Each structure stands twice: as C-alpha cells, then as structure tokens.
C-alpha atoms as a PDB file:
ATOM      1  CA  UNK A   1     144.560  16.451  13.730  1.00  0.00           C
ATOM      2  CA  UNK A   2     143.897  15.952  10.003  1.00  0.00           C
ATOM      3  CA  UNK A   3     146.706  18.364   9.163  1.00  0.00           C
ATOM      4  CA  UNK A   4     149.146  16.447  11.367  1.00  0.00           C
ATOM      5  CA  UNK A   5     148.121  13.201   9.682  1.00  0.00           C
ATOM      6  CA  UNK A   6     148.628  14.892   6.315  1.00  0.00           C
ATOM      7  CA  UNK A   7     152.134  16.024   7.298  1.00  0.00           C
ATOM      8  CA  UNK A   8     152.911  12.473   8.405  1.00  0.00           C
ATOM      9  CA  UNK A   9     151.726  11.264   4.977  1.00  0.00           C
ATOM     10  CA  UNK A  10     148.902   9.319   6.610  1.00  0.00           C
ATOM     11  CA  UNK A  11     146.485  10.453   3.903  1.00  0.00           C
ATOM     12  CA  UNK A  12     143.797   7.810   4.387  1.00  0.00           C
ATOM     13  CA  UNK A  13     143.366   8.591   8.075  1.00  0.00           C
ATOM     14  CA  UNK A  14     143.515  12.304   7.307  1.00  0.00           C
ATOM     15  CA  UNK A  15     140.614  11.826   4.873  1.00  0.00           C
ATOM     16  CA  UNK A  16     138.573  10.167   7.619  1.00  0.00           C
ATOM     17  CA  UNK A  17     139.405  12.877  10.152  1.00  0.00           C
ATOM     18  CA  UNK A  18     138.664  15.626   7.617  1.00  0.00           C
ATOM     19  CA  UNK A  19     135.260  14.134   6.827  1.00  0.00           C
ATOM     20  CA  UNK A  20     134.415  14.017  10.523  1.00  0.00           C
ATOM     21  CA  UNK A  21     135.542  17.615  10.818  1.00  0.00           C
ATOM     22  CA  UNK A  22     133.338  18.711   7.896  1.00  0.00           C
ATOM     23  CA  UNK A  23     130.331  17.108   9.558  1.00  0.00           C
ATOM     24  CA  UNK A  24     131.039  18.713  12.938  1.00  0.00           C
ATOM     25  CA  UNK A  25     131.416  22.159  11.346  1.00  0.00           C
ATOM     26  CA  UNK A  26     128.140  21.644   9.485  1.00  0.00           C
ATOM     27  CA  UNK A  27     126.367  20.822  12.744  1.00  0.00           C
ATOM     28  CA  UNK A  28     127.307  24.227  14.182  1.00  0.00           C
ATOM     29  CA  UNK A  29     126.919  26.170  10.933  1.00  0.00           C
ATOM     30  CA  UNK A  30     130.598  27.107  10.626  1.00  0.00           C
ATOM     31  CA  UNK A  31     131.107  27.590   6.885  1.00  0.00           C
ATOM     32  CA  UNK A  32     134.750  28.673   7.273  1.00  0.00           C
ATOM     33  CA  UNK A  33     135.468  25.418   9.098  1.00  0.00           C
ATOM     34  CA  UNK A  34     133.623  23.423   6.435  1.00  0.00           C
ATOM     35  CA  UNK A  35     135.678  25.121   3.731  1.00  0.00           C
ATOM     36  CA  UNK A  36     138.991  24.502   5.531  1.00  0.00           C
ATOM     37  CA  UNK A  37     138.156  20.843   6.110  1.00  0.00           C
ATOM     38  CA  UNK A  38     137.128  20.393   2.476  1.00  0.00           C
ATOM     39  CA  UNK A  39     140.429  21.978   1.426  1.00  0.00           C
ATOM     40  CA  UNK A  40     142.229  19.394   3.556  1.00  0.00           C
ATOM     41  CA  UNK A  41     140.197  16.672   1.835  1.00  0.00           C
ATOM     42  CA  UNK A  42     141.259  18.029  -1.556  1.00  0.00           C
ATOM     43  CA  UNK A  43     144.925  17.909  -0.565  1.00  0.00           C
ATOM     44  CA  UNK A  44     144.601  14.336   0.666  1.00  0.00           C
ATOM     45  CA  UNK A  45     142.701  13.197  -2.400  1.00  0.00           C
ATOM     46  CA  UNK A  46     145.350  14.709  -4.662  1.00  0.00           C
ATOM     47  CA  UNK A  47     148.122  12.920  -2.743  1.00  0.00           C
ATOM     48  CA  UNK A  48     146.160   9.672  -3.106  1.00  0.00           C
ATOM     49  CA  UNK A  49     145.692  10.263  -6.851  1.00  0.00           C
ATOM     50  CA  UNK A  50     141.917  10.653  -6.477  1.00  0.00           C
ATOM     51  CA  UNK A  51     141.412  13.648  -8.736  1.00  0.00           C
ATOM     52  CA  UNK A  52     137.686  13.079  -9.287  1.00  0.00           C
ATOM     53  CA  UNK A  53     136.998  13.138  -5.543  1.00  0.00           C
ATOM     54  CA  UNK A  54     139.146  16.268  -5.181  1.00  0.00           C
ATOM     55  CA  UNK A  55     137.179  17.942  -7.953  1.00  0.00           C
ATOM     56  CA  UNK A  56     133.879  17.083  -6.247  1.00  0.00           C
ATOM     57  CA  UNK A  57     135.082  18.645  -2.995  1.00  0.00           C
ATOM     58  CA  UNK A  58     136.221  21.760  -4.852  1.00  0.00           C
ATOM     59  CA  UNK A  59     132.766  22.097  -6.387  1.00  0.00           C
ATOM     60  CA  UNK A  60     131.167  21.755  -2.950  1.00  0.00           C
ATOM     61  CA  UNK A  61     133.342  24.658  -1.763  1.00  0.00           C
ATOM     62  CA  UNK A  62     132.289  26.761  -4.748  1.00  0.00           C
ATOM     63  CA  UNK A  63     128.631  25.902  -4.064  1.00  0.00           C
ATOM     64  CA  UNK A  64     129.079  26.753  -0.363  1.00  0.00           C
ATOM     65  CA  UNK A  65     127.513  23.363   0.284  1.00  0.00           C
ATOM     66  CA  UNK A  66     126.615  22.087   3.719  1.00  0.00           C
ATOM     67  CA  UNK A  67     126.344  18.503   2.417  1.00  0.00           C
ATOM     68  CA  UNK A  68     127.405  15.986   5.059  1.00  0.00           C
ATOM     69  CA  UNK A  69     130.333  13.692   4.303  1.00  0.00           C
ATOM     70  CA  UNK A  70     129.845   9.948   4.479  1.00  0.00           C
END
C-alpha cells in the first residue's frame, strides 16, 4: 500500500503506512520487512525534502535496528 501511495505522490500518507508496516514487521521479527519498509520511508522523506529523517532511517537499517516507529 505504501508503494502505491508513493507512486501516486501521496508521500505523507505513504510515510504513515510505512511506519505502520515497520512496526508490524518488528512484531513478528521480520528484519527483511523492516528493512524494506525503512527503505520506503527513506524514499518518501527524500521526496518531502526531509534529508535528516532519511539519514536517521538509513542508520537504523545499518544498525539492523528493531526500534518501533512513532
């Protein structure tokens, strides 16, 4: 769903959906899903001009973090 929102240039809603997705993947311990959802967040943040937030998400991927999104 987040990817479809991204393609429709609905970046703010895609951010929300991606955060929910990260949290759901964390609940089941699916690191690959967490990583993919964080990558979607990075793309959205870049489109919104939020480079600092994108950088934070990239670091969480590098750290293999299971930190919940708020």
